[in-house]
Amino acid sequence: MEAYCFKCRQKREIRNAAQVKLKNGRPAMQGTCPVCGTKVFRIGKG
């Protein structure tokens, strides 16, 4: 699963990916960037 890292300004593979649910019920994936360690987030994939 990939997400856009705003610090690296590239799509990166999500490390420590966890499935979360937003307030409106939509699924999302949350984890960290393997290069810089910034939190990355991808909405709509579960």
PDB file of N, CA and C in Angstrom:
ATOM      1  N   MET A   1       0.845  -1.171   0.000  1.00  0.00           N
ATOM      2  CA  MET A   1       0.000   0.000   0.000  1.00  0.00           C
ATOM      3  C   MET A   1       0.897   1.243   0.000  1.00  0.00           C
ATOM      4  N   GLU A   2       0.603   2.179  -0.874  1.00  0.00           N
ATOM      5  CA  GLU A   2       1.382   3.405  -0.971  1.00  0.00           C
ATOM      6  C   GLU A   2       0.550   4.605  -0.554  1.00  0.00           C
ATOM      7  N   ALA A   3       1.244   5.608  -0.027  1.00  0.00           N
ATOM      8  CA  ALA A   3       0.619   6.878   0.328  1.00  0.00           C
ATOM      9  C   ALA A   3       1.605   7.984  -0.006  1.00  0.00           C
ATOM     10  N   TYR A   4       1.108   9.195  -0.199  1.00  0.00           N
ATOM     11  CA  TYR A   4       1.961  10.325  -0.543  1.00  0.00           C
ATOM     12  C   TYR A   4       2.573  10.909   0.725  1.00  0.00           C
ATOM     13  N   CYS A   5       3.902  11.026   0.740  1.00  0.00           N
ATOM     14  CA  CYS A   5       4.605  11.636   1.865  1.00  0.00           C
ATOM     15  C   CYS A   5       4.846  13.100   1.528  1.00  0.00           C
ATOM     16  N   PHE A   6       4.318  14.009   2.333  1.00  0.00           N
ATOM     17  CA  PHE A   6       4.436  15.442   2.061  1.00  0.00           C
ATOM     18  C   PHE A   6       5.846  15.951   2.350  1.00  0.00           C
ATOM     19  N   LYS A   7       6.588  15.281   3.198  1.00  0.00           N
ATOM     20  CA  LYS A   7       7.952  15.713   3.493  1.00  0.00           C
ATOM     21  C   LYS A   7       8.906  15.304   2.362  1.00  0.00           C
ATOM     22  N   CYS A   8       8.782  14.066   1.877  1.00  0.00           N
ATOM     23  CA  CYS A   8       9.623  13.580   0.774  1.00  0.00           C
ATOM     24  C   CYS A   8       9.106  14.041  -0.593  1.00  0.00           C
ATOM     25  N   ARG A   9       7.826  14.392  -0.648  1.00  0.00           N
ATOM     26  CA  ARG A   9       7.140  14.786  -1.886  1.00  0.00           C
ATOM     27  C   ARG A   9       7.156  13.674  -2.929  1.00  0.00           C
ATOM     28  N   GLN A  10       6.959  12.435  -2.442  1.00  0.00           N
ATOM     29  CA  GLN A  10       6.867  11.265  -3.313  1.00  0.00           C
ATOM     30  C   GLN A  10       5.928  10.246  -2.697  1.00  0.00           C
ATOM     31  N   LYS A  11       5.450   9.329  -3.540  1.00  0.00           N
ATOM     32  CA  LYS A  11       4.662   8.219  -3.003  1.00  0.00           C
ATOM     33  C   LYS A  11       5.617   7.214  -2.381  1.00  0.00           C
ATOM     34  N   ARG A  12       5.269   6.772  -1.183  1.00  0.00           N
ATOM     35  CA  ARG A  12       6.098   5.813  -0.446  1.00  0.00           C
ATOM     36  C   ARG A  12       5.234   4.663   0.051  1.00  0.00           C
ATOM     37  N   GLU A  13       5.857   3.524   0.248  1.00  0.00           N
ATOM     38  CA  GLU A  13       5.180   2.370   0.845  1.00  0.00           C
ATOM     39  C   GLU A  13       4.905   2.690   2.316  1.00  0.00           C
ATOM     40  N   ILE A  14       3.728   2.328   2.803  1.00  0.00           N
ATOM     41  CA  ILE A  14       3.371   2.626   4.193  1.00  0.00           C
ATOM     42  C   ILE A  14       4.001   1.585   5.112  1.00  0.00           C
ATOM     43  N   ARG A  15       4.750   2.038   6.116  1.00  0.00           N
ATOM     44  CA  ARG A  15       5.325   1.152   7.124  1.00  0.00           C
ATOM     45  C   ARG A  15       4.410   1.190   8.347  1.00  0.00           C
ATOM     46  N   ASN A  16       4.251   0.060   9.020  1.00  0.00           N
ATOM     47  CA  ASN A  16       3.377  -0.065  10.202  1.00  0.00           C
ATOM     48  C   ASN A  16       1.953   0.374   9.870  1.00  0.00           C
ATOM     49  N   ALA A  17       1.445  -0.093   8.736  1.00  0.00           N
ATOM     50  CA  ALA A  17       0.114   0.295   8.278  1.00  0.00           C
ATOM     51  C   ALA A  17      -0.966  -0.240   9.217  1.00  0.00           C
ATOM     52  N   ALA A  18      -1.914   0.622   9.535  1.00  0.00           N
ATOM     53  CA  ALA A  18      -3.056   0.234  10.371  1.00  0.00           C
ATOM     54  C   ALA A  18      -4.325   0.758   9.722  1.00  0.00           C
ATOM     55  N   GLN A  19      -5.347  -0.087   9.691  1.00  0.00           N
ATOM     56  CA  GLN A  19      -6.615   0.333   9.115  1.00  0.00           C
ATOM     57  C   GLN A  19      -7.389   1.123  10.158  1.00  0.00           C
ATOM     58  N   VAL A  20      -7.861   2.306   9.760  1.00  0.00           N
ATOM     59  CA  VAL A  20      -8.652   3.150  10.646  1.00  0.00           C
ATOM     60  C   VAL A  20      -9.947   3.528   9.933  1.00  0.00           C
ATOM     61  N   LYS A  21     -10.908   4.007  10.708  1.00  0.00           N
ATOM     62  CA  LYS A  21     -12.182   4.430  10.150  1.00  0.00           C
ATOM     63  C   LYS A  21     -12.394   5.895  10.510  1.00  0.00           C
ATOM     64  N   LEU A  22     -12.734   6.712   9.510  1.00  0.00           N
ATOM     65  CA  LEU A  22     -12.971   8.132   9.734  1.00  0.00           C
ATOM     66  C   LEU A  22     -14.325   8.350  10.404  1.00  0.00           C
ATOM     67  N   LYS A  23     -14.569   9.570  10.862  1.00  0.00           N
ATOM     68  CA  LYS A  23     -15.827   9.888  11.539  1.00  0.00           C
ATOM     69  C   LYS A  23     -17.041   9.618  10.662  1.00  0.00           C
ATOM     70  N   ASN A  24     -16.886   9.845   9.344  1.00  0.00           N
ATOM     71  CA  ASN A  24     -18.011   9.638   8.431  1.00  0.00           C
ATOM     72  C   ASN A  24     -18.145   8.177   7.986  1.00  0.00           C
ATOM     73  N   GLY A  25     -17.289   7.275   8.508  1.00  0.00           N
ATOM     74  CA  GLY A  25     -17.410   5.860   8.222  1.00  0.00           C
ATOM     75  C   GLY A  25     -16.532   5.353   7.095  1.00  0.00           C
ATOM     76  N   ARG A  26     -15.821   6.228   6.421  1.00  0.00           N
ATOM     77  CA  ARG A  26     -14.958   5.800   5.318  1.00  0.00           C
ATOM     78  C   ARG A  26     -13.703   5.103   5.854  1.00  0.00           C
ATOM     79  N   PRO A  27     -13.229   4.072   5.165  1.00  0.00           N
ATOM     80  CA  PRO A  27     -11.999   3.407   5.594  1.00  0.00           C
ATOM     81  C   PRO A  27     -10.769   4.204   5.178  1.00  0.00           C
ATOM     82  N   ALA A  28      -9.678   4.035   5.912  1.00  0.00           N
ATOM     83  CA  ALA A  28      -8.419   4.705   5.595  1.00  0.00           C
ATOM     84  C   ALA A  28      -7.271   3.876   6.149  1.00  0.00           C
ATOM     85  N   MET A  29      -6.063   4.142   5.637  1.00  0.00           N
ATOM     86  CA  MET A  29      -4.854   3.483   6.120  1.00  0.00           C
ATOM     87  C   MET A  29      -3.929   4.549   6.684  1.00  0.00           C
ATOM     88  N   GLN A  30      -3.309   4.242   7.820  1.00  0.00           N
ATOM     89  CA  GLN A  30      -2.421   5.184   8.480  1.00  0.00           C
ATOM     90  C   GLN A  30      -1.142   4.455   8.851  1.00  0.00           C
ATOM     91  N   GLY A  31      -0.005   5.140   8.688  1.00  0.00           N
ATOM     92  CA  GLY A  31       1.278   4.538   9.021  1.00  0.00           C
ATOM     93  C   GLY A  31       2.383   5.576   8.969  1.00  0.00           C
ATOM     94  N   THR A  32       3.619   5.123   8.731  1.00  0.00           N
ATOM     95  CA  THR A  32       4.746   6.044   8.666  1.00  0.00           C
ATOM     96  C   THR A  32       5.514   5.846   7.365  1.00  0.00           C
ATOM     97  N   CYS A  33       6.234   6.882   6.961  1.00  0.00           N
ATOM     98  CA  CYS A  33       7.095   6.835   5.778  1.00  0.00           C
ATOM     99  C   CYS A  33       8.365   6.074   6.151  1.00  0.00           C
ATOM    100  N   PRO A  34       8.792   5.097   5.336  1.00  0.00           N
ATOM    101  CA  PRO A  34       9.996   4.340   5.667  1.00  0.00           C
ATOM    102  C   PRO A  34      11.288   5.140   5.528  1.00  0.00           C
ATOM    103  N   VAL A  35      11.279   6.256   4.795  1.00  0.00           N
ATOM    104  CA  VAL A  35      12.483   7.047   4.560  1.00  0.00           C
ATOM    105  C   VAL A  35      12.695   8.099   5.646  1.00  0.00           C
ATOM    106  N   CYS A  36      11.657   8.927   5.890  1.00  0.00           N
ATOM    107  CA  CYS A  36      11.833  10.051   6.821  1.00  0.00           C
ATOM    108  C   CYS A  36      11.101   9.869   8.150  1.00  0.00           C
ATOM    109  N   GLY A  37      10.177   8.901   8.249  1.00  0.00           N
ATOM    110  CA  GLY A  37       9.475   8.647   9.498  1.00  0.00           C
ATOM    111  C   GLY A  37       8.250   9.508   9.735  1.00  0.00           C
ATOM    112  N   THR A  38       7.863  10.328   8.750  1.00  0.00           N
ATOM    113  CA  THR A  38       6.681  11.179   8.864  1.00  0.00           C
ATOM    114  C   THR A  38       5.421  10.320   8.795  1.00  0.00           C
ATOM    115  N   LYS A  39       4.373  10.751   9.483  1.00  0.00           N
ATOM    116  CA  LYS A  39       3.099  10.044   9.437  1.00  0.00           C
ATOM    117  C   LYS A  39       2.466  10.234   8.057  1.00  0.00           C
ATOM    118  N   VAL A  40       2.025   9.146   7.433  1.00  0.00           N
ATOM    119  CA  VAL A  40       1.341   9.206   6.136  1.00  0.00           C
ATOM    120  C   VAL A  40      -0.053   8.623   6.295  1.00  0.00           C
ATOM    121  N   PHE A  41      -0.960   9.043   5.411  1.00  0.00           N
ATOM    122  CA  PHE A  41      -2.369   8.719   5.543  1.00  0.00           C
ATOM    123  C   PHE A  41      -2.951   8.548   4.152  1.00  0.00           C
ATOM    124  N   ARG A  42      -3.760   7.502   3.970  1.00  0.00           N
ATOM    125  CA  ARG A  42      -4.420   7.288   2.681  1.00  0.00           C
ATOM    126  C   ARG A  42      -5.883   6.977   2.928  1.00  0.00           C
ATOM    127  N   ILE A  43      -6.766   7.785   2.340  1.00  0.00           N
ATOM    128  CA  ILE A  43      -8.201   7.628   2.518  1.00  0.00           C
ATOM    129  C   ILE A  43      -8.753   6.735   1.416  1.00  0.00           C
ATOM    130  N   GLY A  44      -9.690   5.869   1.778  1.00  0.00           N
ATOM    131  CA  GLY A  44     -10.439   5.097   0.798  1.00  0.00           C
ATOM    132  C   GLY A  44      -9.920   3.703   0.541  1.00  0.00           C
ATOM    133  N   LYS A  45      -8.856   3.292   1.157  1.00  0.00           N
ATOM    134  CA  LYS A  45      -8.366   1.923   0.983  1.00  0.00           C
ATOM    135  C   LYS A  45      -8.430   1.213   2.320  1.00  0.00           C
ATOM    136  N   GLY A  46      -8.929   0.014   2.304  1.00  0.00           N
ATOM    137  CA  GLY A  46      -9.062  -0.662   3.577  1.00  0.00           C
ATOM    138  C   GLY A  46      -8.749  -2.102   3.569  1.00  0.00           C
TER     139      GLY A  46
END
